[in-house]
Protein backbone atom coordinates (compact mmCIF):
# COMPACT_ATOMS: atom_id res chain seq x y z
CA UNK A 1 -74.63 -12.34 39.70
CA UNK A 2 -74.78 -8.96 37.97
CA UNK A 3 -73.98 -5.53 39.38
CA UNK A 4 -77.70 -4.70 39.47
CA UNK A 5 -78.20 -7.45 42.05
CA UNK A 6 -76.46 -5.20 44.57
CA UNK A 7 -79.69 -3.16 44.63
CA UNK A 8 -80.86 -5.62 47.29
CA UNK A 9 -78.41 -3.97 49.69
CA UNK A 10 -80.37 -0.72 49.59
CA UNK A 11 -82.81 -2.10 52.14
CA UNK A 12 -80.05 -3.51 54.36
CA UNK A 13 -77.73 -2.16 57.03
CA UNK A 14 -74.03 -2.85 57.53
CA UNK A 15 -71.90 -2.56 60.66
CA UNK A 16 -68.50 -0.97 60.01
CA UNK A 17 -65.86 -1.15 62.77
CA UNK A 18 -62.68 0.82 62.05
CA UNK A 19 -60.58 2.83 64.52
CA UNK A 20 -58.77 4.92 61.89
CA UNK A 21 -60.99 7.97 61.34
CA UNK A 22 -59.79 8.54 57.78
CA UNK A 23 -60.34 4.94 56.73
CA UNK A 24 -63.70 4.87 58.54
CA UNK A 25 -64.94 7.97 56.70
CA UNK A 26 -63.76 6.61 53.35
CA UNK A 27 -65.38 3.21 53.94
CA UNK A 28 -68.60 4.83 55.18
CA UNK A 29 -68.86 6.77 51.92
CA UNK A 30 -68.12 3.68 49.83
CA UNK A 31 -70.61 1.52 51.69
CA UNK A 32 -73.20 4.28 51.46
CA UNK A 33 -73.21 3.73 47.70
CA UNK A 34 -74.73 0.28 48.28
CA UNK A 35 -76.41 0.07 51.69
CA UNK A 36 -79.46 1.82 53.04
CA UNK A 37 -77.74 2.33 56.40
CA UNK A 38 -74.10 2.28 57.51
CA UNK A 39 -73.40 1.88 61.25
CA UNK A 40 -69.84 3.10 61.98
CA UNK A 41 -67.98 2.27 65.20
CA UNK A 42 -64.46 3.32 66.20
CA UNK A 43 -63.70 0.38 68.48
CA UNK A 44 -64.76 -3.20 69.17
CA UNK A 45 -66.95 -2.47 72.19
CA UNK A 46 -69.00 0.12 70.31
CA UNK A 47 -69.27 -2.28 67.39
CA UNK A 48 -70.82 -4.93 69.63
CA UNK A 49 -73.20 -2.36 71.13
CA UNK A 50 -74.36 -1.38 67.64
CA UNK A 51 -74.77 -5.03 66.72
CA UNK A 52 -76.97 -5.65 69.75
CA UNK A 53 -79.22 -2.63 69.18
CA UNK A 54 -79.48 -2.67 65.37
CA UNK A 55 -78.88 -6.28 64.31
CA UNK A 56 -77.35 -5.34 60.94
CA UNK A 57 -77.54 -7.57 57.88
CA UNK A 58 -73.75 -7.62 57.44
CA UNK A 59 -70.57 -6.64 59.31
CA UNK A 60 -67.16 -5.38 58.20
CA UNK A 61 -64.63 -5.37 61.04
CA UNK A 62 -61.12 -3.98 61.24
CA UNK A 63 -58.85 -6.74 62.47
CA UNK A 64 -56.92 -4.53 64.96
CA UNK A 65 -58.93 -2.13 67.13
CA UNK A 66 -58.86 -0.75 70.67
CA UNK A 67 -60.62 -2.68 73.46
CA UNK A 68 -61.73 -5.58 71.24
CA UNK A 69 -60.18 -6.74 67.98
CA UNK A 70 -62.21 -7.50 64.89
CA UNK A 71 -61.72 -11.22 65.45
CA UNK A 72 -62.96 -10.91 69.04
CA UNK A 73 -66.01 -8.99 67.88
CA UNK A 74 -66.62 -11.60 65.17
CA UNK A 75 -66.39 -14.42 67.72
CA UNK A 76 -69.02 -12.75 69.93
CA UNK A 77 -71.30 -12.07 66.97
CA UNK A 78 -70.96 -15.71 65.92
CA UNK A 79 -72.40 -16.81 69.28
CA UNK A 80 -75.53 -14.74 68.63
CA UNK A 81 -75.77 -15.23 64.87
CA UNK A 82 -73.89 -18.19 63.35
CA UNK A 83 -74.61 -17.13 59.76
CA UNK A 84 -74.27 -13.35 59.70
CA UNK A 85 -71.98 -12.38 56.78
CA UNK A 86 -68.79 -10.94 58.32
CA UNK A 87 -65.80 -9.54 56.46
CA UNK A 88 -62.47 -8.55 57.98
CA UNK A 89 -60.76 -5.28 57.07
CA UNK A 90 -56.99 -5.55 57.33
CA UNK A 91 -53.76 -3.92 56.26
CA UNK A 92 -51.94 -7.22 55.88
CA UNK A 93 -52.63 -10.83 54.90
CA UNK A 94 -50.78 -12.65 57.67
CA UNK A 95 -51.45 -16.42 57.61
CA UNK A 96 -52.25 -16.50 61.32
CA UNK A 97 -55.05 -13.98 60.88
CA UNK A 98 -56.40 -15.86 57.90
CA UNK A 99 -56.48 -19.12 59.86
CA UNK A 100 -58.50 -17.41 62.57
CA UNK A 101 -60.85 -16.04 59.91
CA UNK A 102 -61.44 -19.57 58.60
CA UNK A 103 -62.26 -20.87 62.08
CA UNK A 104 -64.83 -18.12 62.54
CA UNK A 105 -66.32 -18.82 59.09
CA UNK A 106 -65.79 -15.24 57.98
CA UNK A 107 -67.08 -14.44 54.52
CA UNK A 108 -64.08 -12.59 53.10
CA UNK A 109 -61.34 -10.11 53.92
CA UNK A 110 -60.62 -6.71 52.41
CA UNK A 111 -57.07 -5.39 52.15
CA UNK A 112 -56.55 -1.68 52.80
CA UNK A 113 -56.75 0.56 50.92
CA UNK A 114 -60.05 -0.89 49.72
CA UNK A 115 -60.94 -0.28 46.07
CA UNK A 116 -64.48 0.02 44.77
CA UNK A 117 -64.04 -3.03 42.54
CA UNK A 118 -62.77 -5.16 45.45
CA UNK A 119 -65.68 -4.06 47.62
CA UNK A 120 -68.23 -4.81 44.89
CA UNK A 121 -66.79 -8.29 44.37
CA UNK A 122 -66.87 -9.02 48.10
CA UNK A 123 -70.45 -7.77 48.46
CA UNK A 124 -71.61 -9.92 45.54
CA UNK A 125 -70.06 -12.92 47.25
CA UNK A 126 -71.88 -12.07 50.48
CA UNK A 127 -75.21 -11.75 48.71
CA UNK A 128 -74.67 -15.08 47.00
CA UNK A 129 -74.10 -16.76 50.37
CA UNK A 130 -77.04 -14.92 51.95
CA UNK A 131 -79.26 -16.25 49.20
CA UNK A 132 -78.03 -19.80 49.83
CA UNK A 133 -78.68 -19.42 53.55
CA UNK A 134 -82.15 -17.90 52.98
CA UNK A 135 -81.14 -14.66 54.73
CA UNK A 136 -82.77 -12.35 52.22
CA UNK A 137 -86.30 -12.95 53.46
CA UNK A 138 -88.13 -9.96 54.96
CA UNK A 139 -91.08 -10.66 57.29
CA UNK A 140 -94.09 -8.48 56.49
CA UNK A 141 -97.14 -7.68 58.60
CA UNK A 142 -99.68 -10.44 58.13
CA UNK A 143 -97.11 -13.20 57.74
CA UNK A 144 -95.87 -12.84 54.16
CA UNK A 145 -92.16 -13.39 53.51
CA UNK A 146 -90.57 -11.18 50.88
CA UNK A 147 -87.40 -12.53 49.26
CA UNK A 148 -85.40 -9.70 47.73
CA UNK A 149 -83.03 -12.00 45.88
CA UNK A 150 -85.62 -14.04 44.02
CA UNK A 151 -88.33 -11.39 43.74
CA UNK A 152 -90.95 -13.63 45.34
CA UNK A 153 -93.37 -13.44 48.24
CA UNK A 154 -94.53 -16.46 50.22
CA UNK A 155 -97.85 -16.43 52.08
CA UNK A 156 -100.09 -19.20 53.26
CA UNK A 157 -97.97 -21.87 51.63
CA UNK A 158 -98.14 -20.16 48.24
CA UNK A 159 -95.21 -18.51 46.48
CA UNK A 160 -96.06 -15.49 44.35
CA UNK A 161 -93.65 -14.04 41.82
CA UNK A 162 -93.44 -10.26 41.92
CA UNK A 163 -93.37 -8.10 38.82
CA UNK A 164 -90.48 -5.69 38.31
CA UNK A 165 -92.67 -2.73 39.34
CA UNK A 166 -94.01 -4.55 42.40
CA UNK A 167 -90.49 -5.39 43.50
CA UNK A 168 -89.30 -1.82 42.96
CA UNK A 169 -92.26 -0.44 44.90
CA UNK A 170 -91.51 -2.72 47.85
CA UNK A 171 -87.81 -1.80 47.76
CA UNK A 172 -88.78 1.89 47.96
CA UNK A 173 -91.02 1.27 50.97
CA UNK A 174 -88.48 -1.02 52.64
CA UNK A 175 -85.81 1.69 52.49
CA UNK A 176 -88.01 3.70 54.89
CA UNK A 177 -90.07 0.96 56.50
CA UNK A 178 -92.56 2.30 59.02
CA UNK A 179 -92.57 5.77 57.41
CA UNK A 180 -95.39 7.01 55.18
CA UNK A 181 -94.12 8.04 51.74
CA UNK A 182 -96.07 10.44 49.55
CA UNK A 183 -97.45 9.00 46.29
CA UNK A 184 -95.71 11.65 44.20
CA UNK A 185 -92.30 10.64 45.61
CA UNK A 186 -93.01 6.99 44.86
CA UNK A 187 -94.14 7.78 41.31
CA UNK A 188 -90.98 9.77 40.64
CA UNK A 189 -88.83 6.90 41.93
CA UNK A 190 -90.82 4.42 39.83
CA UNK A 191 -90.52 6.48 36.63
CA UNK A 192 -87.48 4.84 35.06
CA UNK A 193 -88.46 3.98 31.49
CA UNK A 194 -91.69 6.02 31.41
CA UNK A 195 -93.83 8.17 33.71
CA UNK A 196 -95.52 6.25 36.51
CA UNK A 197 -98.91 7.77 37.35
CA UNK A 198 -100.81 7.82 40.66
CA UNK A 199 -103.51 5.66 39.08
CA UNK A 200 -100.90 3.10 38.03
CA UNK A 201 -99.61 3.15 41.60
CA UNK A 202 -103.07 2.48 43.04
CA UNK A 203 -103.56 -0.41 40.60
CA UNK A 204 -100.16 -1.83 41.54
CA UNK A 205 -100.96 -1.70 45.26
CA UNK A 206 -104.32 -3.40 44.70
CA UNK A 207 -102.69 -6.27 42.80
CA UNK A 208 -99.81 -6.51 45.26
CA UNK A 209 -102.16 -6.89 48.22
CA UNK A 210 -103.53 -10.07 46.67
CA UNK A 211 -99.99 -11.49 46.85
CA UNK A 212 -98.70 -10.25 50.22
CA UNK A 213 -101.93 -9.52 52.10
CA UNK A 214 -103.73 -6.27 52.86
CA UNK A 215 -102.09 -5.88 56.29
CA UNK A 216 -98.60 -5.40 54.89
CA UNK A 217 -99.25 -2.06 53.18
CA UNK A 218 -100.83 0.91 54.93
CA UNK A 219 -102.34 3.43 52.55
CA UNK A 220 -104.00 6.82 52.83
CA UNK A 221 -105.23 8.79 49.82
CA UNK A 222 -104.05 12.04 51.41
CA UNK A 223 -100.80 10.83 53.03
CA UNK A 224 -99.35 7.98 51.00
CA UNK A 225 -98.08 4.42 51.58
CA UNK A 226 -96.13 2.64 54.27
CA UNK A 227 -94.83 -0.92 54.61
CA UNK A 228 -95.54 -2.65 57.93
């Protein structure tokens, strides 16, 4: 899995539970390099509340926190979601903690202070497991399932492979799902190797609707595009 595969995280959210304000701020900035949304909590109870209201794609929990520890939070999350990728953030690698982590089927643990390279390696491992467990599917309006890992869309029993531009367009809309994005902003974001024109964007949307259905993409000539 290459570093570019971490782009899939841009449409995901991560729960971060850490009671040390300095560590929390540092980790929030690091995670913000990869994730579309970081949900910070300073104790275990607030972490569970955020989990219930936001249902993040991943969780990183400090092992020792006020009110509820990271392992207690992980145990509660496991009851609601047996396969959610959970990593433990810890300042030590005590065997007792690691045994508890194994019992809870935690994905990995990160030793403080966390380096960028260690975080990247852990996130790649999480994405690999998410792909195995089919957790990278996104349900679209009309019934299509978008898989960000494989770059495919399934609808009506058929699996359609997305082009690079189609996948990039959907990633842009997914980052702000439910919000209309102006065509000019999309074209600028799509212009990597060469300029992407409004006409090219309209052609892309027309072709994409044959793969994922017309209901999934709202469009207005004056306003822009939105993923539903």
